[in-house]
N, C-alpha and C. Protein backbone atom coordinates (compact mmCIF):
# COMPACT_ATOMS: atom_id res chain seq x y z
N MET A 1 94.71 -134.57 18.36
CA MET A 1 94.92 -134.78 16.89
C MET A 1 96.18 -134.02 16.29
N GLY A 2 96.74 -134.60 15.33
CA GLY A 2 97.89 -133.83 14.66
C GLY A 2 97.44 -132.99 13.55
N VAL A 3 98.27 -131.99 13.21
CA VAL A 3 97.72 -131.20 12.09
C VAL A 3 98.14 -131.70 10.80
N SER A 4 97.28 -131.04 9.89
CA SER A 4 97.49 -131.68 8.77
C SER A 4 99.06 -131.13 7.77
N ARG A 5 99.33 -131.85 6.78
CA ARG A 5 100.70 -131.84 5.99
C ARG A 5 100.51 -130.18 5.55
N GLU A 6 99.14 -129.61 5.39
CA GLU A 6 99.24 -128.41 4.63
C GLU A 6 99.42 -127.29 5.96
N GLN A 7 98.71 -127.93 7.25
CA GLN A 7 98.93 -126.82 8.04
C GLN A 7 100.28 -126.66 8.80
N ALA A 8 101.01 -127.86 8.91
CA ALA A 8 102.40 -127.79 9.41
C ALA A 8 103.33 -127.08 8.23
N ALA A 9 103.27 -127.03 7.07
CA ALA A 9 103.82 -126.31 5.95
C ALA A 9 103.62 -124.78 6.36
N GLU A 10 102.37 -124.45 6.61
CA GLU A 10 101.91 -123.15 6.89
C GLU A 10 102.84 -122.70 8.13
N ASN A 11 102.61 -123.64 9.21
CA ASN A 11 103.70 -123.38 10.55
C ASN A 11 104.66 -123.00 10.18
N ARG A 12 105.27 -123.86 9.41
CA ARG A 12 106.83 -123.55 9.18
C ARG A 12 107.40 -122.31 8.45
N ARG A 13 106.41 -122.02 7.32
CA ARG A 13 106.53 -120.36 6.73
C ARG A 13 106.34 -119.61 7.83
N ALA A 14 105.40 -119.65 8.55
CA ALA A 14 105.37 -118.55 9.72
C ALA A 14 106.42 -118.41 10.42
N ILE A 15 107.08 -119.60 11.10
CA ILE A 15 108.58 -119.72 11.78
C ILE A 15 109.42 -118.77 10.91
N VAL A 16 109.46 -119.22 9.52
CA VAL A 16 110.46 -118.77 8.73
C VAL A 16 110.56 -116.85 8.54
N ALA A 17 109.33 -116.80 8.53
CA ALA A 17 109.03 -115.38 8.11
C ALA A 17 109.38 -114.62 9.42
N ALA A 18 108.79 -115.08 10.77
CA ALA A 18 109.19 -114.32 11.98
C ALA A 18 110.71 -114.16 11.90
N ALA A 19 111.30 -115.40 11.69
CA ALA A 19 112.94 -115.46 11.97
C ALA A 19 113.52 -114.41 10.88
N THR A 20 113.06 -114.24 9.66
CA THR A 20 113.53 -113.48 8.75
C THR A 20 113.54 -111.98 9.21
N ARG A 21 112.37 -111.76 9.77
CA ARG A 21 112.04 -110.29 10.20
C ARG A 21 113.15 -110.10 11.31
N LEU A 22 113.15 -111.03 12.45
CA LEU A 22 113.96 -110.79 13.70
C LEU A 22 115.29 -110.84 13.00
N PHE A 23 115.80 -111.63 12.19
CA PHE A 23 117.17 -111.84 12.21
C PHE A 23 117.62 -110.67 11.39
N ARG A 24 116.85 -109.87 10.65
CA ARG A 24 117.28 -108.73 9.72
C ARG A 24 117.54 -107.81 10.62
N GLU A 25 116.53 -107.58 11.64
CA GLU A 25 116.01 -106.48 12.55
C GLU A 25 117.51 -106.33 13.53
N ARG A 26 117.68 -107.69 13.96
CA ARG A 26 118.65 -107.39 15.12
C ARG A 26 119.82 -108.50 15.13
N GLY A 27 119.86 -109.29 14.16
CA GLY A 27 120.85 -110.17 13.93
C GLY A 27 120.55 -111.67 14.55
N VAL A 28 121.20 -112.65 14.00
CA VAL A 28 121.08 -113.78 14.29
C VAL A 28 121.16 -114.41 15.62
N GLU A 29 122.34 -113.97 16.29
CA GLU A 29 122.64 -113.93 17.66
C GLU A 29 121.88 -113.65 18.70
N ALA A 30 121.40 -112.50 18.49
CA ALA A 30 120.38 -111.50 19.07
C ALA A 30 119.01 -112.13 19.32
N VAL A 31 118.57 -113.12 18.74
CA VAL A 31 117.28 -113.71 18.56
C VAL A 31 117.27 -115.16 19.34
N GLY A 32 116.63 -115.36 20.45
CA GLY A 32 116.49 -116.48 21.04
C GLY A 32 115.39 -117.23 20.53
N LEU A 33 115.32 -118.64 20.76
CA LEU A 33 114.06 -119.50 20.02
C LEU A 33 112.92 -119.16 20.82
N SER A 34 112.97 -118.85 22.06
CA SER A 34 111.56 -118.46 22.83
C SER A 34 110.83 -117.37 22.22
N GLU A 35 111.63 -116.17 21.84
CA GLU A 35 111.11 -114.87 21.41
C GLU A 35 110.90 -115.11 20.28
N LEU A 36 111.40 -115.92 19.34
CA LEU A 36 111.31 -116.18 17.80
C LEU A 36 109.94 -116.92 17.71
N MET A 37 109.80 -117.82 18.52
CA MET A 37 108.47 -118.73 18.35
C MET A 37 107.39 -117.89 18.87
N LYS A 38 107.42 -117.04 19.64
CA LYS A 38 106.42 -116.08 20.22
C LYS A 38 105.94 -115.18 19.34
N HIS A 39 107.01 -114.61 18.34
CA HIS A 39 106.62 -113.82 17.31
C HIS A 39 105.90 -114.56 16.37
N ALA A 40 106.26 -116.08 16.15
CA ALA A 40 105.32 -116.49 15.20
C ALA A 40 104.29 -117.13 15.44
N GLY A 41 103.96 -117.03 16.70
CA GLY A 41 102.74 -117.45 17.37
C GLY A 41 102.54 -119.07 17.74
N PHE A 42 103.74 -119.43 18.26
CA PHE A 42 103.80 -120.63 19.01
C PHE A 42 104.51 -121.02 20.17
N THR A 43 104.67 -122.11 20.79
CA THR A 43 105.39 -122.20 21.92
C THR A 43 106.88 -122.59 21.40
N GLN A 44 107.62 -122.65 22.15
CA GLN A 44 109.19 -122.87 21.80
C GLN A 44 109.12 -124.11 21.62
N GLY A 45 108.54 -125.40 22.40
CA GLY A 45 108.60 -126.63 22.20
C GLY A 45 108.35 -126.79 20.87
N GLY A 46 107.49 -126.17 19.90
CA GLY A 46 107.02 -126.69 18.69
C GLY A 46 108.08 -126.15 17.72
N PHE A 47 109.16 -125.79 18.08
CA PHE A 47 110.12 -125.30 17.10
C PHE A 47 110.60 -126.73 16.61
N TYR A 48 111.07 -127.67 17.40
CA TYR A 48 111.96 -129.04 16.86
C TYR A 48 110.75 -129.69 16.11
N ASN A 49 109.40 -129.34 16.25
CA ASN A 49 108.61 -130.25 15.05
C ASN A 49 109.13 -129.85 13.48
N HIS A 50 109.72 -128.76 13.64
CA HIS A 50 109.98 -128.17 12.27
C HIS A 50 111.69 -128.12 11.71
N PHE A 51 112.40 -127.98 12.83
CA PHE A 51 113.81 -127.89 12.50
C PHE A 51 114.50 -128.51 13.63
N GLU A 52 115.65 -129.06 13.15
CA GLU A 52 116.51 -129.77 14.03
C GLU A 52 117.30 -128.97 15.02
N SER A 53 117.53 -127.75 14.53
CA SER A 53 118.46 -126.82 15.15
C SER A 53 118.28 -125.38 14.67
N LYS A 54 118.43 -124.56 15.62
CA LYS A 54 118.55 -122.92 14.92
C LYS A 54 119.43 -123.11 13.84
N ALA A 55 120.75 -123.86 13.73
CA ALA A 55 121.68 -123.53 12.70
C ALA A 55 120.74 -123.83 11.19
N ASP A 56 119.91 -124.68 11.42
CA ASP A 56 119.01 -125.52 10.21
C ASP A 56 118.01 -124.33 9.78
N LEU A 57 117.30 -123.48 11.00
CA LEU A 57 116.51 -122.41 10.32
C LEU A 57 117.01 -121.41 9.71
N VAL A 58 118.56 -120.99 10.18
CA VAL A 58 119.15 -119.90 9.79
C VAL A 58 119.43 -119.81 8.20
N ALA A 59 119.83 -121.58 7.83
CA ALA A 59 120.08 -121.86 6.56
C ALA A 59 118.91 -121.63 5.68
N GLU A 60 117.67 -122.11 6.09
CA GLU A 60 116.38 -122.16 5.15
C GLU A 60 116.18 -120.60 5.07
N VAL A 61 116.32 -119.89 6.12
CA VAL A 61 116.17 -118.24 6.22
C VAL A 61 116.68 -117.30 5.18
N LEU A 62 118.22 -117.94 5.22
CA LEU A 62 119.04 -117.17 4.25
C LEU A 62 118.76 -117.75 2.94
N ALA A 63 118.45 -118.80 2.76
CA ALA A 63 117.88 -119.31 1.14
C ALA A 63 116.79 -118.66 0.72
N SER A 64 115.67 -118.75 1.56
CA SER A 64 114.64 -118.03 1.31
C SER A 64 114.45 -116.62 0.89
N ALA A 65 115.21 -115.80 1.94
CA ALA A 65 115.24 -114.45 1.80
C ALA A 65 116.54 -114.08 0.59
N ILE A 66 117.34 -114.78 0.27
CA ILE A 66 118.20 -114.54 -0.94
C ILE A 66 117.66 -114.75 -2.05
N ALA A 67 116.85 -116.26 -2.31
CA ALA A 67 116.49 -116.15 -3.38
C ALA A 67 115.02 -115.34 -3.66
N GLU A 68 114.34 -114.54 -2.70
CA GLU A 68 113.41 -113.74 -2.90
C GLU A 68 114.06 -112.51 -3.47
N GLY A 69 115.01 -111.96 -2.92
CA GLY A 69 115.64 -110.74 -2.90
C GLY A 69 116.26 -110.70 -4.52
N ASN A 70 116.86 -111.85 -4.71
CA ASN A 70 117.76 -111.71 -5.91
C ASN A 70 116.55 -112.00 -7.05
N ALA A 71 115.39 -112.31 -6.95
CA ALA A 71 114.47 -112.62 -7.93
C ALA A 71 113.72 -111.10 -8.29
N GLU A 72 113.82 -110.07 -7.19
CA GLU A 72 113.59 -109.14 -7.37
C GLU A 72 114.39 -108.13 -8.15
N PHE A 73 115.56 -108.41 -7.79
CA PHE A 73 116.79 -107.86 -8.14
C PHE A 73 116.83 -108.11 -9.79
N ALA A 74 116.61 -109.43 -10.12
CA ALA A 74 116.76 -109.77 -11.64
C ALA A 74 115.42 -109.14 -12.29
N LYS A 75 114.41 -109.04 -11.66
CA LYS A 75 113.17 -108.21 -12.35
C LYS A 75 113.29 -106.88 -12.68
N MET A 76 114.07 -106.26 -11.55
CA MET A 76 114.38 -104.73 -11.60
C MET A 76 115.38 -104.63 -12.87
N ALA A 77 116.16 -105.49 -13.13
CA ALA A 77 117.39 -105.39 -14.01
C ALA A 77 116.92 -105.52 -15.55
N ARG A 78 115.68 -106.32 -15.46
CA ARG A 78 115.00 -106.53 -17.11
C ARG A 78 113.99 -105.62 -17.32
N ALA A 79 113.54 -104.73 -16.13
CA ALA A 79 112.52 -103.72 -16.46
C ALA A 79 112.96 -102.83 -17.48
N PRO A 80 112.04 -102.16 -18.22
CA PRO A 80 112.16 -101.54 -19.41
C PRO A 80 112.84 -100.04 -18.77
N VAL A 81 113.53 -99.25 -19.12
CA VAL A 81 114.11 -97.79 -18.77
C VAL A 81 114.03 -96.95 -20.05
N ASP A 82 113.74 -95.67 -19.42
CA ASP A 82 113.70 -94.74 -20.77
C ASP A 82 114.95 -94.11 -20.86
N GLU A 83 114.96 -93.23 -21.94
CA GLU A 83 116.36 -92.84 -22.67
C GLU A 83 117.17 -92.22 -21.65
N SER A 84 116.58 -91.38 -20.57
CA SER A 84 117.36 -90.61 -19.95
C SER A 84 118.48 -91.33 -18.78
N THR A 85 118.00 -92.59 -18.79
CA THR A 85 119.08 -93.48 -17.86
C THR A 85 119.29 -94.86 -18.40
N THR A 86 119.72 -95.64 -17.45
CA THR A 86 120.09 -96.90 -17.63
C THR A 86 119.73 -97.81 -16.63
N ALA A 87 119.49 -99.14 -16.89
CA ALA A 87 119.27 -100.00 -15.83
C ALA A 87 120.01 -100.25 -14.80
N LEU A 88 121.76 -99.93 -15.03
CA LEU A 88 122.44 -99.87 -13.99
C LEU A 88 122.45 -98.55 -13.38
N ARG A 89 121.93 -97.47 -13.60
CA ARG A 89 122.09 -96.13 -13.01
C ARG A 89 120.64 -96.26 -11.99
N ARG A 90 119.70 -96.84 -12.57
CA ARG A 90 118.53 -96.95 -11.83
C ARG A 90 119.04 -97.72 -10.62
N TYR A 91 119.39 -98.94 -10.55
CA TYR A 91 119.85 -99.75 -9.54
C TYR A 91 120.79 -99.14 -8.51
N ILE A 92 121.72 -98.49 -8.93
CA ILE A 92 122.51 -97.63 -7.94
C ILE A 92 121.71 -96.47 -7.47
N ASN A 93 120.84 -95.86 -8.31
CA ASN A 93 120.28 -94.77 -7.31
C ASN A 93 119.33 -95.38 -6.45
N TRP A 94 118.71 -96.86 -6.68
CA TRP A 94 117.78 -97.43 -5.48
C TRP A 94 118.62 -97.98 -4.61
N TYR A 95 119.49 -98.70 -4.92
CA TYR A 95 120.36 -99.39 -3.59
C TYR A 95 120.99 -98.42 -2.41
N LEU A 96 121.45 -97.29 -3.01
CA LEU A 96 122.01 -96.13 -2.12
C LEU A 96 121.27 -95.05 -2.18
N SER A 97 119.84 -95.32 -1.58
CA SER A 97 119.02 -94.34 -1.31
C SER A 97 118.45 -94.53 0.18
N GLN A 98 117.87 -93.47 0.64
CA GLN A 98 117.12 -93.79 2.13
C GLN A 98 116.28 -94.79 2.36
N ALA A 99 115.47 -94.77 0.96
CA ALA A 99 114.36 -95.68 1.21
C ALA A 99 114.75 -97.21 1.43
N HIS A 100 116.14 -97.30 0.67
CA HIS A 100 116.41 -98.90 0.86
C HIS A 100 117.04 -99.08 2.02
N ARG A 101 117.96 -97.87 2.34
CA ARG A 101 118.47 -98.18 3.94
C ARG A 101 117.65 -98.49 5.02
N ASP A 102 116.40 -97.66 5.03
CA ASP A 102 115.52 -97.78 6.16
C ASP A 102 114.52 -99.23 5.94
N ASN A 103 114.59 -99.70 4.43
CA ASN A 103 113.62 -100.77 4.54
C ASN A 103 114.50 -102.38 4.76
N ILE A 104 115.14 -102.50 6.09
CA ILE A 104 115.58 -103.54 6.50
C ILE A 104 114.86 -104.92 6.16
N ASP A 105 113.63 -105.03 6.38
CA ASP A 105 112.89 -106.36 6.47
C ASP A 105 112.87 -106.74 4.93
N HIS A 106 112.94 -105.63 3.93
CA HIS A 106 112.82 -106.26 2.46
C HIS A 106 113.76 -105.74 1.64
N GLY A 107 114.95 -105.22 2.09
CA GLY A 107 116.17 -104.94 1.26
C GLY A 107 116.88 -105.69 0.91
N CYS A 108 117.85 -105.57 0.30
CA CYS A 108 119.05 -106.45 -0.14
C CYS A 108 119.17 -107.36 0.83
N PRO A 109 119.14 -108.80 0.59
CA PRO A 109 119.40 -109.56 1.77
C PRO A 109 120.79 -109.99 2.03
N VAL A 110 121.73 -109.67 1.07
CA VAL A 110 123.35 -109.66 1.53
C VAL A 110 123.55 -108.79 2.31
N THR A 111 123.16 -107.62 2.03
CA THR A 111 123.33 -106.39 3.09
C THR A 111 122.92 -106.71 4.29
N GLY A 112 121.57 -107.42 4.37
CA GLY A 112 121.04 -107.70 5.80
C GLY A 112 121.51 -108.81 6.64
N PHE A 113 122.13 -109.51 6.01
CA PHE A 113 123.03 -110.45 6.67
C PHE A 113 124.28 -110.45 6.61
N ALA A 114 124.98 -109.71 6.06
CA ALA A 114 126.48 -109.41 5.94
C ALA A 114 127.15 -109.83 7.33
N GLY A 115 126.63 -108.87 8.37
CA GLY A 115 127.28 -108.99 9.59
C GLY A 115 127.38 -109.91 10.30
N ASP A 116 126.24 -111.16 9.90
CA ASP A 116 125.96 -112.34 10.57
C ASP A 116 126.94 -113.55 9.78
N ALA A 117 127.12 -113.27 8.62
CA ALA A 117 127.53 -114.32 7.61
C ALA A 117 128.97 -114.71 8.31
N PRO A 118 129.98 -114.11 8.48
CA PRO A 118 131.29 -114.77 9.25
C PRO A 118 130.87 -115.79 10.33
N ARG A 119 130.16 -115.53 11.29
CA ARG A 119 129.64 -116.48 12.33
C ARG A 119 128.60 -117.63 11.99
N LEU A 120 128.46 -117.80 10.77
CA LEU A 120 127.39 -118.73 10.57
C LEU A 120 127.86 -119.85 10.24
N GLY A 121 127.10 -121.14 10.14
CA GLY A 121 127.81 -122.56 9.82
C GLY A 121 127.82 -122.74 8.48
N ALA A 122 128.63 -123.59 7.84
CA ALA A 122 129.03 -123.91 6.32
C ALA A 122 127.66 -123.84 5.67
N GLY A 123 126.59 -124.49 6.08
CA GLY A 123 125.34 -124.66 5.59
C GLY A 123 124.51 -123.37 4.96
N ALA A 124 124.55 -122.36 6.15
CA ALA A 124 124.20 -121.12 5.91
C ALA A 124 124.86 -120.30 5.15
N GLN A 125 126.40 -120.37 5.30
CA GLN A 125 127.11 -119.58 4.58
C GLN A 125 127.30 -119.72 2.95
N SER A 126 126.89 -121.07 2.76
CA SER A 126 127.28 -121.41 1.40
C SER A 126 125.94 -120.65 0.67
N HIS A 127 124.63 -120.61 1.37
CA HIS A 127 123.72 -119.86 0.78
C HIS A 127 123.76 -118.33 0.46
N PHE A 128 124.52 -117.85 1.49
CA PHE A 128 124.90 -116.44 1.46
C PHE A 128 126.04 -116.39 0.10
N ALA A 129 127.06 -117.41 -0.21
CA ALA A 129 127.94 -117.10 -0.83
C ALA A 129 127.12 -117.13 -2.25
N GLY A 130 126.59 -118.24 -2.56
CA GLY A 130 125.49 -118.45 -3.69
C GLY A 130 124.88 -117.26 -4.33
N GLY A 131 124.26 -116.29 -2.84
CA GLY A 131 123.22 -115.55 -3.53
C GLY A 131 124.24 -114.17 -3.64
N LEU A 132 125.33 -114.26 -3.10
CA LEU A 132 126.27 -112.89 -3.53
C LEU A 132 126.75 -113.09 -4.86
N ASP A 133 126.99 -114.31 -5.12
CA ASP A 133 127.67 -114.54 -6.43
C ASP A 133 126.77 -114.45 -7.63
N ASP A 134 125.13 -114.62 -7.42
CA ASP A 134 124.36 -114.46 -8.26
C ASP A 134 124.14 -112.74 -8.47
N GLN A 135 124.15 -112.08 -7.15
CA GLN A 135 124.14 -110.56 -7.34
C GLN A 135 125.08 -110.11 -8.21
N ILE A 136 126.23 -110.52 -8.33
CA ILE A 136 127.54 -110.02 -9.06
C ILE A 136 127.26 -110.27 -10.55
N THR A 137 126.91 -111.43 -10.95
CA THR A 137 126.47 -112.10 -11.99
C THR A 137 125.46 -111.04 -12.80
N ILE A 138 124.36 -110.68 -12.23
CA ILE A 138 123.21 -109.72 -12.53
C ILE A 138 124.00 -108.31 -12.82
N LEU A 139 124.68 -107.75 -11.80
CA LEU A 139 125.34 -106.46 -11.58
C LEU A 139 126.26 -106.51 -13.03
N ALA A 140 126.91 -107.55 -13.18
CA ALA A 140 128.08 -107.76 -14.51
C ALA A 140 127.10 -107.48 -15.59
N GLY A 141 125.90 -108.20 -15.89
CA GLY A 141 125.02 -107.87 -17.12
C GLY A 141 124.66 -106.67 -17.26
N LEU A 142 124.32 -105.88 -16.03
CA LEU A 142 123.86 -104.66 -16.08
C LEU A 142 125.19 -103.48 -16.63
N ILE A 143 126.31 -103.88 -16.23
CA ILE A 143 127.12 -103.28 -16.72
C ILE A 143 127.59 -103.20 -17.99
N ALA A 144 127.60 -104.44 -18.65
CA ALA A 144 127.97 -104.95 -20.00
C ALA A 144 126.60 -104.19 -21.03
N GLU A 145 125.55 -104.07 -20.59
CA GLU A 145 124.21 -103.41 -21.08
C GLU A 145 124.46 -102.12 -21.17
N SER A 146 125.05 -101.16 -20.15
CA SER A 146 125.29 -99.83 -20.19
C SER A 146 126.17 -99.05 -20.98
N GLY A 147 126.83 -100.40 -21.55
CA GLY A 147 127.93 -99.72 -22.72
C GLY A 147 129.20 -99.51 -22.13
N LEU A 148 129.57 -99.77 -20.76
CA LEU A 148 130.80 -99.47 -20.11
C LEU A 148 131.87 -100.35 -20.14
N ALA A 149 131.70 -101.37 -20.85
CA ALA A 149 132.39 -102.37 -20.98
C ALA A 149 133.54 -102.29 -22.50
N ALA A 150 134.47 -101.14 -22.18
CA ALA A 150 135.51 -100.84 -23.27
C ALA A 150 136.04 -102.10 -23.80
N ALA A 151 136.05 -101.88 -25.16
CA ALA A 151 137.05 -103.06 -25.52
C ALA A 151 138.40 -102.98 -25.18
N GLY A 152 139.19 -103.98 -24.94
CA GLY A 152 140.52 -104.07 -24.50
C GLY A 152 140.75 -103.98 -23.02
N GLU A 153 139.83 -103.47 -22.27
CA GLU A 153 139.96 -103.17 -21.00
C GLU A 153 140.55 -104.25 -20.28
N ARG A 154 141.38 -104.06 -18.95
CA ARG A 154 142.04 -105.12 -18.44
C ARG A 154 141.04 -105.88 -17.52
N ARG A 155 140.34 -105.02 -16.67
CA ARG A 155 139.56 -105.67 -15.78
C ARG A 155 138.23 -106.38 -16.63
N THR A 156 137.83 -107.52 -16.06
CA THR A 156 136.78 -108.20 -16.65
C THR A 156 135.41 -107.45 -16.04
N LEU A 157 134.23 -107.87 -16.71
CA LEU A 157 133.06 -107.60 -16.16
C LEU A 157 133.01 -108.05 -14.80
N ARG A 158 133.34 -109.27 -14.38
CA ARG A 158 133.04 -109.64 -12.85
C ARG A 158 133.76 -109.00 -12.20
N GLU A 159 135.16 -108.19 -12.53
CA GLU A 159 135.86 -107.41 -11.46
C GLU A 159 135.15 -106.45 -11.33
N ARG A 160 134.72 -105.69 -12.16
CA ARG A 160 133.90 -104.39 -12.12
C ARG A 160 132.68 -104.47 -11.23
N ALA A 161 131.99 -105.44 -11.59
CA ALA A 161 130.71 -105.70 -10.88
C ALA A 161 131.40 -105.85 -9.32
N ILE A 162 132.29 -107.02 -9.01
CA ILE A 162 132.81 -107.08 -7.59
C ILE A 162 132.96 -105.57 -7.00
N ASN A 163 133.65 -104.95 -7.69
CA ASN A 163 134.41 -103.77 -6.91
C ASN A 163 132.95 -102.76 -6.93
N LEU A 164 131.94 -102.78 -7.90
CA LEU A 164 131.00 -101.70 -7.38
C LEU A 164 130.05 -102.16 -6.27
N HIS A 165 129.86 -103.41 -6.47
CA HIS A 165 128.89 -104.11 -5.67
C HIS A 165 129.58 -103.86 -4.02
N CYS A 166 130.96 -103.89 -3.80
CA CYS A 166 131.57 -103.84 -2.53
C CYS A 166 131.33 -102.20 -2.08
N GLU A 167 131.56 -101.67 -2.80
CA GLU A 167 131.53 -100.18 -2.63
C GLU A 167 130.14 -99.78 -2.14
N MET A 168 129.09 -100.26 -3.08
CA MET A 168 127.57 -99.65 -2.69
C MET A 168 127.32 -100.54 -1.23
N LEU A 169 127.57 -102.03 -1.27
CA LEU A 169 127.51 -102.62 -0.06
C LEU A 169 127.79 -101.98 1.36
N GLY A 170 128.97 -101.88 1.21
CA GLY A 170 129.72 -101.07 2.35
C GLY A 170 129.19 -99.82 2.67
N ALA A 171 128.75 -99.02 1.86
CA ALA A 171 128.14 -97.71 2.04
C ALA A 171 126.69 -97.76 2.84
N LEU A 172 126.12 -98.75 2.38
CA LEU A 172 124.72 -99.09 2.65
C LEU A 172 124.91 -99.54 4.04
N VAL A 173 125.92 -100.64 4.53
CA VAL A 173 125.85 -101.17 5.90
C VAL A 173 126.30 -99.87 6.68
N LEU A 174 127.44 -99.22 6.42
CA LEU A 174 127.89 -97.81 7.16
C LEU A 174 126.56 -97.07 7.55
N SER A 175 125.80 -96.70 6.53
CA SER A 175 124.86 -95.66 6.61
C SER A 175 123.61 -96.28 7.58
N ARG A 176 123.26 -97.58 7.39
CA ARG A 176 122.50 -98.18 8.54
C ARG A 176 123.21 -98.16 9.87
N SER A 177 124.42 -98.18 10.11
CA SER A 177 124.90 -98.52 11.24
C SER A 177 124.92 -97.05 12.08
N VAL A 178 125.00 -95.79 11.71
CA VAL A 178 124.65 -94.91 12.15
C VAL A 178 123.14 -93.89 11.92
N ALA A 179 122.18 -94.66 11.32
CA ALA A 179 121.06 -93.96 11.18
C ALA A 179 120.40 -93.65 12.09
N GLN A 180 120.11 -93.95 13.36
CA GLN A 180 119.44 -93.72 14.28
C GLN A 180 120.04 -92.64 15.21
N ALA A 181 121.36 -93.05 15.32
CA ALA A 181 121.89 -91.72 16.48
C ALA A 181 122.50 -90.72 15.54
N ALA A 182 122.91 -90.82 14.15
CA ALA A 182 123.21 -89.56 13.51
C ALA A 182 122.68 -89.84 12.14
N PRO A 183 121.35 -89.23 11.96
CA PRO A 183 120.94 -89.56 10.80
C PRO A 183 121.24 -88.37 9.67
N ALA A 184 121.76 -87.46 10.07
CA ALA A 184 122.29 -86.46 8.88
C ALA A 184 123.83 -87.17 8.34
N PHE A 185 124.28 -87.71 9.26
CA PHE A 185 125.83 -88.40 8.66
C PHE A 185 125.20 -89.54 8.04
N SER A 186 124.43 -90.40 8.28
CA SER A 186 123.90 -91.62 7.59
C SER A 186 123.42 -91.06 6.20
N ASN A 187 122.75 -89.98 5.90
CA ASN A 187 122.33 -89.54 4.93
C ASN A 187 123.83 -88.92 4.00
N GLU A 188 124.65 -88.53 4.39
CA GLU A 188 125.65 -88.17 4.01
C GLU A 188 126.60 -89.27 3.43
N ILE A 189 126.58 -90.03 4.16
CA ILE A 189 127.38 -91.48 3.61
C ILE A 189 126.68 -92.13 2.54
N LEU A 190 125.49 -92.00 2.38
CA LEU A 190 124.74 -92.45 0.89
C LEU A 190 124.83 -91.40 -0.01
N GLU A 191 124.76 -90.34 0.20
CA GLU A 191 125.04 -89.37 -1.03
C GLU A 191 126.16 -89.18 -1.54
N ASN A 192 127.37 -88.99 -0.61
CA ASN A 192 128.57 -89.50 -1.05
C ASN A 192 129.11 -90.38 -1.97
N ALA A 193 128.44 -91.70 -1.72
CA ALA A 193 128.68 -92.96 -1.91
C ALA A 193 127.90 -93.08 -3.70
N ARG A 194 126.93 -92.50 -3.69
CA ARG A 194 126.11 -92.42 -4.93
C ARG A 194 126.80 -91.40 -5.79
N ARG A 195 126.98 -90.15 -5.35
CA ARG A 195 127.73 -89.19 -6.39
C ARG A 195 128.98 -89.60 -6.98
N HIS A 196 129.83 -90.55 -6.16
CA HIS A 196 131.08 -91.00 -6.30
C HIS A 196 130.88 -92.27 -7.39
N VAL A 197 129.97 -92.94 -7.15
CA VAL A 197 129.96 -94.37 -7.98
C VAL A 197 128.98 -93.54 -9.22
N LEU A 198 128.03 -93.05 -9.25
CA LEU A 198 127.61 -92.41 -10.50
C LEU A 198 128.80 -91.73 -11.27
N ALA A 199 129.33 -90.71 -10.67
CA ALA A 199 130.49 -89.97 -11.27
C ALA A 199 131.63 -90.74 -12.14
N SER A 200 132.00 -92.05 -11.36
CA SER A 200 132.98 -93.01 -11.97
C SER A 200 132.29 -93.52 -13.00
N LEU A 201 131.02 -93.64 -13.33
CA LEU A 201 130.32 -94.29 -14.54
C LEU A 201 130.42 -93.23 -15.70
N ASP A 202 130.16 -91.73 -15.06
CA ASP A 202 130.15 -90.96 -16.12
C ASP A 202 131.73 -91.06 -17.20
N GLU A 203 132.42 -91.00 -16.13
CA GLU A 203 133.91 -90.76 -16.56
C GLU A 203 134.34 -92.15 -17.33
N ARG A 204 133.93 -93.53 -17.01
CA ARG A 204 134.07 -94.41 -17.93
C ARG A 204 133.34 -94.38 -19.00
N SER A 205 132.18 -93.98 -19.13
CA SER A 205 131.39 -93.58 -20.30
C SER A 205 132.03 -92.57 -21.10
N SER A 206 132.43 -91.64 -20.64
CA SER A 206 133.27 -90.77 -21.51
C SER A 206 134.26 -91.28 -22.51
N GLN A 207 135.10 -92.52 -21.65
CA GLN A 207 136.43 -93.09 -22.15
C GLN A 207 136.03 -94.28 -22.89
N ALA A 208 134.89 -94.39 -23.02
CA ALA A 208 134.51 -95.79 -24.03
C ALA A 208 134.45 -95.32 -25.11
N PRO A 209 134.93 -96.13 -26.30
CA PRO A 209 135.03 -96.16 -27.51
C PRO A 209 133.57 -95.97 -28.18
N LYS A 210 133.33 -94.63 -29.08
CA LYS A 210 132.10 -94.49 -29.84
C LYS A 210 132.21 -95.49 -30.68
N PRO A 211 130.85 -95.85 -31.33
CA PRO A 211 130.90 -96.61 -32.55
C PRO A 211 131.04 -95.61 -33.61
N ARG A 212 131.62 -96.12 -34.84
CA ARG A 212 132.01 -95.59 -35.89
C ARG A 212 130.72 -95.25 -36.74
N THR A 213 130.75 -94.14 -37.21
CA THR A 213 129.56 -93.80 -38.44
C THR A 213 130.23 -93.78 -39.60
N LYS A 214 129.20 -94.18 -40.44
CA LYS A 214 129.66 -94.29 -41.95
C LYS A 214 129.66 -93.03 -42.57
N ASN A 215 130.64 -92.84 -43.54
CA ASN A 215 130.57 -91.51 -44.34
C ASN A 215 129.62 -91.78 -45.42
């Protein structure tokens, strides 16, 4: 007897969930179908009941992980903050934190798959590109809301968001790359990046034009 449509959909979600976890932990190329299906609770032969190829699975994993991660990013951006900080600063402090570095399974999906992206097919890479572009758009909004978009500044909000995201993403990737072998060095990378980014925000904030007051 065949499985129901609902059960088939549940099985597919289980495969995607297992793949997401393994791909984030070890990279796409390091995970074989046999191991993947074992983690999902199925035999390797059942894989092709759901996906035509591993590339199709990778594309779905990326689409799902990026949609979920960016939804959390947008939720964080909209959450209220007290007067002592801004949504942008809160995001920077979270992104460049040890907790985020260590939470590979549920952290920034762009960072989690950045090492694999150059070797992925066009389908998966298009999901990656779209997710990255969405993150930059949200980050540009945070920069604008923080009051750092000085009038007459040459660089656009998008340019500033790209620069900021590249700096933070690079620091997080490097910090993760040495976290097990050299934890103190890993922490040093994060702390220095966070201080530099926040200091640059303070500098720009002091240079931003102040609102005029009525006499």
